[in-house]
Amino acid sequence: MEEKLAELANIMDHLRPHTVLYIGNIPISSTVVTTWMVMAILTIAVFLATRNLSSKPRGVQHLLEMLIGFIEGLLEDAMDKEGRKYLPLIATLFLFILSLNLSWFIPTVKPPTIDISTTAAFGVTTVVVIQIFAIQKKGIGGYLHHFTEPTIALAPLTIIEEFVKPVSLSLRLFGNMFGEKMVVTILFMLLPLVVPTPVMLLGVLMGFIQAFVFTLLPITYLQAFIKGH
């Protein structure tokens, strides 16, 4: 019991990223290594899954087409047929974040999404790309006019909202994934022989939910720019 209490007291050591190696004087953290590993696995998996595409999808191709069709449906519901052009962004976000969330199934690996630097990068990059899409769609004039709707008196609040969005996106994903990982780690420490299977199943479900929520919010942001408030 004392050993378990000592492990629980050092729970953060199991969760915080650690330095894996140095390139010159630059430390490379476990978050970076895991992210690149997941990117390599995804690249290989996508290549293998799409190298022999068939007009009658089956197996992995069928699953991927179902997923893409689902995301495309969300975009069309929000922005009609025009939503299709944003499918690469939204689908990539979902697949990448989902893969990072589920990387904790790899032994000794800490999911990059429990590191605030990763989720902050996702939040900032996503919101910046959305601003670029909005300018391309409406032009500078139309883009600036968006901040005066429905009344110019609300412009300061609308501008502040755009700066808050990346913070909201990053903290939501980080908080949920970090909290889940902490609970799972504690349960594994206390009940290593009883908990693993149901917790792993719950981890898969939560990984999907968090990836879905993160990608659903950019759709609403895009809709606000494209379709208006």
C-alpha atoms as a PDB file:
ATOM      1  CA  MET A   1       0.000   0.000   0.000  1.00  0.00           C
ATOM      2  CA  GLU A   2       2.824   2.389   0.848  1.00  0.00           C
ATOM      3  CA  GLU A   3       4.374   1.782  -2.563  1.00  0.00           C
ATOM      4  CA  LYS A   4       1.099   2.637  -4.281  1.00  0.00           C
ATOM      5  CA  LEU A   5       0.710   5.791  -2.214  1.00  0.00           C
ATOM      6  CA  ALA A   6       4.246   6.803  -3.163  1.00  0.00           C
ATOM      7  CA  GLU A   7       3.416   6.249  -6.849  1.00  0.00           C
ATOM      8  CA  LEU A   8       0.261   8.315  -6.530  1.00  0.00           C
ATOM      9  CA  ALA A   9       2.238  11.116  -4.914  1.00  0.00           C
ATOM     10  CA  ASN A  10       4.422  11.208  -8.024  1.00  0.00           C
ATOM     11  CA  ILE A  11       1.558  10.903 -10.487  1.00  0.00           C
ATOM     12  CA  MET A  12       2.709  13.947 -12.451  1.00  0.00           C
ATOM     13  CA  ASP A  13       5.953  12.169 -13.319  1.00  0.00           C
ATOM     14  CA  HIS A  14       3.843   9.713 -15.316  1.00  0.00           C
ATOM     15  CA  LEU A  15       2.039  12.488 -17.183  1.00  0.00           C
ATOM     16  CA  ARG A  16       4.410  15.361 -17.895  1.00  0.00           C
ATOM     17  CA  PRO A  17       6.550  15.178 -21.071  1.00  0.00           C
ATOM     18  CA  HIS A  18      10.226  14.408 -20.648  1.00  0.00           C
ATOM     19  CA  THR A  19      13.316  15.124 -22.741  1.00  0.00           C
ATOM     20  CA  VAL A  20      14.208  12.197 -25.009  1.00  0.00           C
ATOM     21  CA  LEU A  21      17.273  13.593 -26.761  1.00  0.00           C
ATOM     22  CA  TYR A  22      19.116  16.759 -27.715  1.00  0.00           C
ATOM     23  CA  ILE A  23      19.834  18.144 -31.163  1.00  0.00           C
ATOM     24  CA  GLY A  24      22.722  20.434 -30.380  1.00  0.00           C
ATOM     25  CA  ASN A  25      21.453  22.424 -27.414  1.00  0.00           C
ATOM     26  CA  ILE A  26      17.791  21.960 -28.348  1.00  0.00           C
ATOM     27  CA  PRO A  27      15.911  19.453 -26.161  1.00  0.00           C
ATOM     28  CA  ILE A  28      13.468  17.164 -27.989  1.00  0.00           C
ATOM     29  CA  SER A  29      10.590  16.148 -25.750  1.00  0.00           C
ATOM     30  CA  SER A  30       8.598  12.938 -25.718  1.00  0.00           C
ATOM     31  CA  THR A  31       5.666  14.947 -27.108  1.00  0.00           C
ATOM     32  CA  VAL A  32       7.594  15.799 -30.272  1.00  0.00           C
ATOM     33  CA  VAL A  33       8.901  12.253 -30.708  1.00  0.00           C
ATOM     34  CA  THR A  34       5.436  10.727 -30.269  1.00  0.00           C
ATOM     35  CA  THR A  35       3.839  13.250 -32.631  1.00  0.00           C
ATOM     36  CA  TRP A  36       6.344  12.465 -35.388  1.00  0.00           C
ATOM     37  CA  MET A  37       5.922   8.750 -34.761  1.00  0.00           C
ATOM     38  CA  VAL A  38       2.139   9.058 -35.126  1.00  0.00           C
ATOM     39  CA  MET A  39       2.612  11.134 -38.310  1.00  0.00           C
ATOM     40  CA  ALA A  40       4.847   8.405 -39.772  1.00  0.00           C
ATOM     41  CA  ILE A  41       2.350   5.674 -38.854  1.00  0.00           C
ATOM     42  CA  LEU A  42      -0.530   7.675 -40.348  1.00  0.00           C
ATOM     43  CA  THR A  43       1.385   8.330 -43.563  1.00  0.00           C
ATOM     44  CA  ILE A  44       2.179   4.647 -44.014  1.00  0.00           C
ATOM     45  CA  ALA A  45      -1.350   3.566 -43.060  1.00  0.00           C
ATOM     46  CA  VAL A  46      -2.994   6.007 -45.489  1.00  0.00           C
ATOM     47  CA  PHE A  47      -0.634   4.934 -48.284  1.00  0.00           C
ATOM     48  CA  LEU A  48      -1.427   1.257 -47.719  1.00  0.00           C
ATOM     49  CA  ALA A  49      -5.169   1.909 -47.390  1.00  0.00           C
ATOM     50  CA  THR A  50      -5.446   3.970 -50.583  1.00  0.00           C
ATOM     51  CA  ARG A  51      -2.992   2.352 -52.990  1.00  0.00           C
ATOM     52  CA  ASN A  52      -5.586  -0.084 -54.399  1.00  0.00           C
ATOM     53  CA  LEU A  53      -8.819   1.891 -54.356  1.00  0.00           C
ATOM     54  CA  SER A  54     -11.895   0.177 -55.740  1.00  0.00           C
ATOM     55  CA  SER A  55     -15.175   1.482 -57.119  1.00  0.00           C
ATOM     56  CA  LYS A  56     -16.827  -0.971 -54.711  1.00  0.00           C
ATOM     57  CA  PRO A  57     -15.265  -0.055 -51.348  1.00  0.00           C
ATOM     58  CA  ARG A  58     -14.624  -2.743 -48.790  1.00  0.00           C
ATOM     59  CA  GLY A  59     -12.585  -3.232 -45.641  1.00  0.00           C
ATOM     60  CA  VAL A  60     -10.485  -0.230 -44.624  1.00  0.00           C
ATOM     61  CA  GLN A  61     -11.494   1.756 -47.713  1.00  0.00           C
ATOM     62  CA  HIS A  62     -15.149   1.341 -46.745  1.00  0.00           C
ATOM     63  CA  LEU A  63     -14.476   2.564 -43.191  1.00  0.00           C
ATOM     64  CA  LEU A  64     -12.534   5.575 -44.446  1.00  0.00           C
ATOM     65  CA  GLU A  65     -15.257   6.490 -46.930  1.00  0.00           C
ATOM     66  CA  MET A  66     -17.874   6.226 -44.184  1.00  0.00           C
ATOM     67  CA  LEU A  67     -15.809   8.550 -41.992  1.00  0.00           C
ATOM     68  CA  ILE A  68     -15.201  11.057 -44.785  1.00  0.00           C
ATOM     69  CA  GLY A  69     -18.873  10.898 -45.747  1.00  0.00           C
ATOM     70  CA  PHE A  70     -19.895  11.632 -42.158  1.00  0.00           C
ATOM     71  CA  ILE A  71     -17.592  14.671 -41.906  1.00  0.00           C
ATOM     72  CA  GLU A  72     -18.716  15.856 -45.332  1.00  0.00           C
ATOM     73  CA  GLY A  73     -22.312  15.607 -44.144  1.00  0.00           C
ATOM     74  CA  LEU A  74     -21.542  17.824 -41.146  1.00  0.00           C
ATOM     75  CA  LEU A  75     -19.974  20.429 -43.429  1.00  0.00           C
ATOM     76  CA  GLU A  76     -22.887  20.359 -45.866  1.00  0.00           C
ATOM     77  CA  ASP A  77     -25.402  20.707 -43.027  1.00  0.00           C
ATOM     78  CA  ALA A  78     -23.535  23.798 -41.847  1.00  0.00           C
ATOM     79  CA  MET A  79     -22.619  25.423 -45.187  1.00  0.00           C
ATOM     80  CA  ASP A  80     -24.483  23.512 -47.905  1.00  0.00           C
ATOM     81  CA  LYS A  81     -22.402  22.314 -50.880  1.00  0.00           C
ATOM     82  CA  GLU A  82     -19.787  24.988 -50.244  1.00  0.00           C
ATOM     83  CA  GLY A  83     -18.749  23.158 -47.101  1.00  0.00           C
ATOM     84  CA  ARG A  84     -17.099  20.442 -49.186  1.00  0.00           C
ATOM     85  CA  LYS A  85     -14.078  22.629 -49.961  1.00  0.00           C
ATOM     86  CA  TYR A  86     -13.151  22.616 -46.267  1.00  0.00           C
ATOM     87  CA  LEU A  87     -13.246  18.823 -46.006  1.00  0.00           C
ATOM     88  CA  PRO A  88      -9.414  18.392 -46.189  1.00  0.00           C
ATOM     89  CA  LEU A  89      -8.909  20.673 -43.173  1.00  0.00           C
ATOM     90  CA  ILE A  90     -11.642  19.190 -40.993  1.00  0.00           C
ATOM     91  CA  ALA A  91     -10.959  15.545 -41.896  1.00  0.00           C
ATOM     92  CA  THR A  92      -7.224  15.980 -41.312  1.00  0.00           C
ATOM     93  CA  LEU A  93      -7.842  17.559 -37.920  1.00  0.00           C
ATOM     94  CA  PHE A  94     -10.113  14.715 -36.880  1.00  0.00           C
ATOM     95  CA  LEU A  95      -7.833  11.885 -38.019  1.00  0.00           C
ATOM     96  CA  PHE A  96      -4.674  13.462 -36.615  1.00  0.00           C
ATOM     97  CA  ILE A  97      -6.146  14.388 -33.229  1.00  0.00           C
ATOM     98  CA  LEU A  98      -7.837  10.993 -32.938  1.00  0.00           C
ATOM     99  CA  SER A  99      -4.551   9.225 -33.681  1.00  0.00           C
ATOM    100  CA  LEU A 100      -2.729  11.332 -31.080  1.00  0.00           C
ATOM    101  CA  ASN A 101      -5.465  10.659 -28.523  1.00  0.00           C
ATOM    102  CA  LEU A 102      -5.225   6.902 -29.067  1.00  0.00           C
ATOM    103  CA  SER A 103      -1.422   6.798 -29.057  1.00  0.00           C
ATOM    104  CA  TRP A 104      -1.520   5.986 -25.341  1.00  0.00           C
ATOM    105  CA  PHE A 105      -2.242   2.386 -26.367  1.00  0.00           C
ATOM    106  CA  ILE A 106       1.385   2.189 -27.460  1.00  0.00           C
ATOM    107  CA  PRO A 107       3.358   0.981 -24.409  1.00  0.00           C
ATOM    108  CA  THR A 108       5.172   3.733 -22.436  1.00  0.00           C
ATOM    109  CA  VAL A 109       3.820   6.448 -24.779  1.00  0.00           C
ATOM    110  CA  LYS A 110       2.196   9.599 -23.401  1.00  0.00           C
ATOM    111  CA  PRO A 111      -0.447  11.073 -25.742  1.00  0.00           C
ATOM    112  CA  PRO A 112       0.747  14.430 -27.122  1.00  0.00           C
ATOM    113  CA  THR A 113      -2.725  15.853 -26.459  1.00  0.00           C
ATOM    114  CA  ILE A 114      -2.045  15.814 -22.695  1.00  0.00           C
ATOM    115  CA  ASP A 115       0.664  18.416 -23.390  1.00  0.00           C
ATOM    116  CA  ILE A 116      -0.700  21.967 -23.528  1.00  0.00           C
ATOM    117  CA  SER A 117       1.900  22.920 -26.158  1.00  0.00           C
ATOM    118  CA  THR A 118       0.330  20.439 -28.601  1.00  0.00           C
ATOM    119  CA  THR A 119      -3.269  21.504 -28.060  1.00  0.00           C
ATOM    120  CA  ALA A 120      -2.260  25.183 -28.169  1.00  0.00           C
ATOM    121  CA  ALA A 121      -0.573  24.591 -31.529  1.00  0.00           C
ATOM    122  CA  PHE A 122      -3.757  22.956 -32.822  1.00  0.00           C
ATOM    123  CA  GLY A 123      -5.920  25.802 -31.509  1.00  0.00           C
ATOM    124  CA  VAL A 124      -3.809  28.642 -32.926  1.00  0.00           C
ATOM    125  CA  THR A 125      -3.181  26.958 -36.294  1.00  0.00           C
ATOM    126  CA  THR A 126      -6.847  26.069 -36.773  1.00  0.00           C
ATOM    127  CA  VAL A 127      -8.130  29.570 -36.022  1.00  0.00           C
ATOM    128  CA  VAL A 128      -5.460  31.229 -38.203  1.00  0.00           C
ATOM    129  CA  VAL A 129      -6.338  28.949 -41.143  1.00  0.00           C
ATOM    130  CA  ILE A 130     -10.025  29.774 -40.682  1.00  0.00           C
ATOM    131  CA  GLN A 131      -9.217  33.508 -40.853  1.00  0.00           C
ATOM    132  CA  ILE A 132      -7.316  32.896 -44.100  1.00  0.00           C
ATOM    133  CA  PHE A 133     -10.256  30.968 -45.570  1.00  0.00           C
ATOM    134  CA  ALA A 134     -12.615  33.778 -44.544  1.00  0.00           C
ATOM    135  CA  ILE A 135     -10.458  36.427 -46.256  1.00  0.00           C
ATOM    136  CA  GLN A 136     -10.223  34.300 -49.413  1.00  0.00           C
ATOM    137  CA  LYS A 137     -13.993  33.879 -49.448  1.00  0.00           C
ATOM    138  CA  LYS A 138     -15.131  37.414 -48.607  1.00  0.00           C
ATOM    139  CA  GLY A 139     -12.124  39.593 -49.361  1.00  0.00           C
ATOM    140  CA  ILE A 140     -10.636  42.017 -46.862  1.00  0.00           C
ATOM    141  CA  GLY A 141     -13.690  44.274 -46.881  1.00  0.00           C
ATOM    142  CA  GLY A 142     -16.184  41.483 -46.321  1.00  0.00           C
ATOM    143  CA  TYR A 143     -13.941  39.904 -43.698  1.00  0.00           C
ATOM    144  CA  LEU A 144     -13.737  43.136 -41.695  1.00  0.00           C
ATOM    145  CA  HIS A 145     -17.467  43.725 -42.123  1.00  0.00           C
ATOM    146  CA  HIS A 146     -18.073  40.380 -40.382  1.00  0.00           C
ATOM    147  CA  PHE A 147     -16.856  41.919 -37.125  1.00  0.00           C
ATOM    148  CA  THR A 148     -19.476  44.682 -37.302  1.00  0.00           C
ATOM    149  CA  GLU A 149     -22.414  42.255 -37.458  1.00  0.00           C
ATOM    150  CA  PRO A 150     -25.117  42.520 -36.214  1.00  0.00           C
ATOM    151  CA  THR A 151     -24.067  45.984 -35.013  1.00  0.00           C
ATOM    152  CA  ILE A 152     -20.776  47.875 -35.030  1.00  0.00           C
ATOM    153  CA  ALA A 153     -21.136  48.430 -31.271  1.00  0.00           C
ATOM    154  CA  LEU A 154     -20.315  44.728 -30.782  1.00  0.00           C
ATOM    155  CA  ALA A 155     -17.149  44.866 -32.912  1.00  0.00           C
ATOM    156  CA  PRO A 156     -14.739  44.934 -29.920  1.00  0.00           C
ATOM    157  CA  LEU A 157     -16.406  41.851 -28.419  1.00  0.00           C
ATOM    158  CA  THR A 158     -16.388  40.042 -31.765  1.00  0.00           C
ATOM    159  CA  ILE A 159     -12.675  40.731 -32.203  1.00  0.00           C
ATOM    160  CA  ILE A 160     -11.923  39.546 -28.666  1.00  0.00           C
ATOM    161  CA  GLU A 161     -13.921  36.392 -29.408  1.00  0.00           C
ATOM    162  CA  GLU A 162     -11.533  35.519 -32.248  1.00  0.00           C
ATOM    163  CA  PHE A 163      -8.575  35.734 -29.864  1.00  0.00           C
ATOM    164  CA  VAL A 164     -10.391  33.608 -27.294  1.00  0.00           C
ATOM    165  CA  LYS A 165     -11.192  30.808 -29.749  1.00  0.00           C
ATOM    166  CA  PRO A 166      -7.685  29.236 -29.857  1.00  0.00           C
ATOM    167  CA  VAL A 167      -7.523  29.393 -26.054  1.00  0.00           C
ATOM    168  CA  SER A 168     -10.915  27.686 -25.784  1.00  0.00           C
ATOM    169  CA  LEU A 169     -10.001  24.999 -28.321  1.00  0.00           C
ATOM    170  CA  SER A 170      -6.648  24.209 -26.749  1.00  0.00           C
ATOM    171  CA  LEU A 171      -7.780  24.192 -23.112  1.00  0.00           C
ATOM    172  CA  ARG A 172     -10.855  22.074 -23.832  1.00  0.00           C
ATOM    173  CA  LEU A 173      -8.856  19.336 -25.557  1.00  0.00           C
ATOM    174  CA  PHE A 174      -5.972  19.511 -23.078  1.00  0.00           C
ATOM    175  CA  GLY A 175      -8.188  19.514 -19.983  1.00  0.00           C
ATOM    176  CA  ASN A 176     -10.319  16.582 -21.083  1.00  0.00           C
ATOM    177  CA  MET A 177      -7.432  14.425 -22.294  1.00  0.00           C
ATOM    178  CA  PHE A 178      -5.193  15.267 -19.322  1.00  0.00           C
ATOM    179  CA  GLY A 179      -7.992  14.540 -16.855  1.00  0.00           C
ATOM    180  CA  GLU A 180      -8.834  11.256 -18.562  1.00  0.00           C
ATOM    181  CA  LYS A 181      -5.204  10.157 -18.644  1.00  0.00           C
ATOM    182  CA  MET A 182      -4.747  11.049 -14.969  1.00  0.00           C
ATOM    183  CA  VAL A 183      -7.795   9.005 -13.946  1.00  0.00           C
ATOM    184  CA  VAL A 184      -6.670   6.053 -16.071  1.00  0.00           C
ATOM    185  CA  THR A 185      -3.146   6.185 -14.645  1.00  0.00           C
ATOM    186  CA  ILE A 186      -4.441   6.248 -11.060  1.00  0.00           C
ATOM    187  CA  LEU A 187      -6.796   3.338 -11.710  1.00  0.00           C
ATOM    188  CA  PHE A 188      -4.021   1.310 -13.285  1.00  0.00           C
ATOM    189  CA  MET A 189      -1.861   1.926 -10.228  1.00  0.00           C
ATOM    190  CA  LEU A 190      -4.570   0.935  -7.756  1.00  0.00           C
ATOM    191  CA  LEU A 191      -6.282  -1.909  -9.649  1.00  0.00           C
ATOM    192  CA  PRO A 192      -3.856  -3.149 -12.313  1.00  0.00           C
ATOM    193  CA  LEU A 193      -5.533  -6.549 -12.768  1.00  0.00           C
ATOM    194  CA  VAL A 194      -9.179  -5.438 -12.777  1.00  0.00           C
ATOM    195  CA  VAL A 195      -9.374  -2.116 -14.604  1.00  0.00           C
ATOM    196  CA  PRO A 196      -7.403  -2.389 -17.902  1.00  0.00           C
ATOM    197  CA  THR A 197     -10.043  -3.697 -20.344  1.00  0.00           C
ATOM    198  CA  PRO A 198     -13.016  -1.431 -19.467  1.00  0.00           C
ATOM    199  CA  VAL A 199     -10.697   1.553 -19.078  1.00  0.00           C
ATOM    200  CA  MET A 200      -9.121   0.931 -22.476  1.00  0.00           C
ATOM    201  CA  LEU A 201     -12.572   0.768 -24.061  1.00  0.00           C
ATOM    202  CA  LEU A 202     -13.514   4.000 -22.316  1.00  0.00           C
ATOM    203  CA  GLY A 203     -10.254   5.532 -23.543  1.00  0.00           C
ATOM    204  CA  VAL A 204     -11.153   4.714 -27.150  1.00  0.00           C
ATOM    205  CA  LEU A 205     -14.598   6.285 -26.715  1.00  0.00           C
ATOM    206  CA  MET A 206     -13.184   9.419 -25.098  1.00  0.00           C
ATOM    207  CA  GLY A 207     -10.515   9.700 -27.791  1.00  0.00           C
ATOM    208  CA  PHE A 208     -13.208   9.705 -30.466  1.00  0.00           C
ATOM    209  CA  ILE A 209     -15.418  12.167 -28.577  1.00  0.00           C
ATOM    210  CA  GLN A 210     -12.631  14.684 -27.966  1.00  0.00           C
ATOM    211  CA  ALA A 211     -11.441  14.515 -31.578  1.00  0.00           C
ATOM    212  CA  PHE A 212     -15.032  14.973 -32.770  1.00  0.00           C
ATOM    213  CA  VAL A 213     -15.705  17.943 -30.475  1.00  0.00           C
ATOM    214  CA  PHE A 214     -12.474  19.671 -31.507  1.00  0.00           C
ATOM    215  CA  THR A 215     -13.305  19.328 -35.213  1.00  0.00           C
ATOM    216  CA  LEU A 216     -16.964  20.272 -34.764  1.00  0.00           C
ATOM    217  CA  LEU A 217     -16.087  23.690 -33.341  1.00  0.00           C
ATOM    218  CA  PRO A 218     -14.046  24.840 -36.393  1.00  0.00           C
ATOM    219  CA  ILE A 219     -17.062  23.929 -38.520  1.00  0.00           C
ATOM    220  CA  THR A 220     -19.185  26.356 -36.498  1.00  0.00           C
ATOM    221  CA  TYR A 221     -16.460  29.013 -36.787  1.00  0.00           C
ATOM    222  CA  LEU A 222     -16.358  28.578 -40.556  1.00  0.00           C
ATOM    223  CA  GLN A 223     -20.131  28.697 -40.727  1.00  0.00           C
ATOM    224  CA  ALA A 224     -20.170  32.039 -38.890  1.00  0.00           C
ATOM    225  CA  PHE A 225     -17.844  33.565 -41.498  1.00  0.00           C
ATOM    226  CA  ILE A 226     -19.371  31.930 -44.566  1.00  0.00           C
ATOM    227  CA  LYS A 227     -23.080  32.021 -43.682  1.00  0.00           C
ATOM    228  CA  GLY A 228     -23.053  34.897 -41.194  1.00  0.00           C
ATOM    229  CA  HIS A 229     -24.185  35.058 -37.568  1.00  0.00           C
END
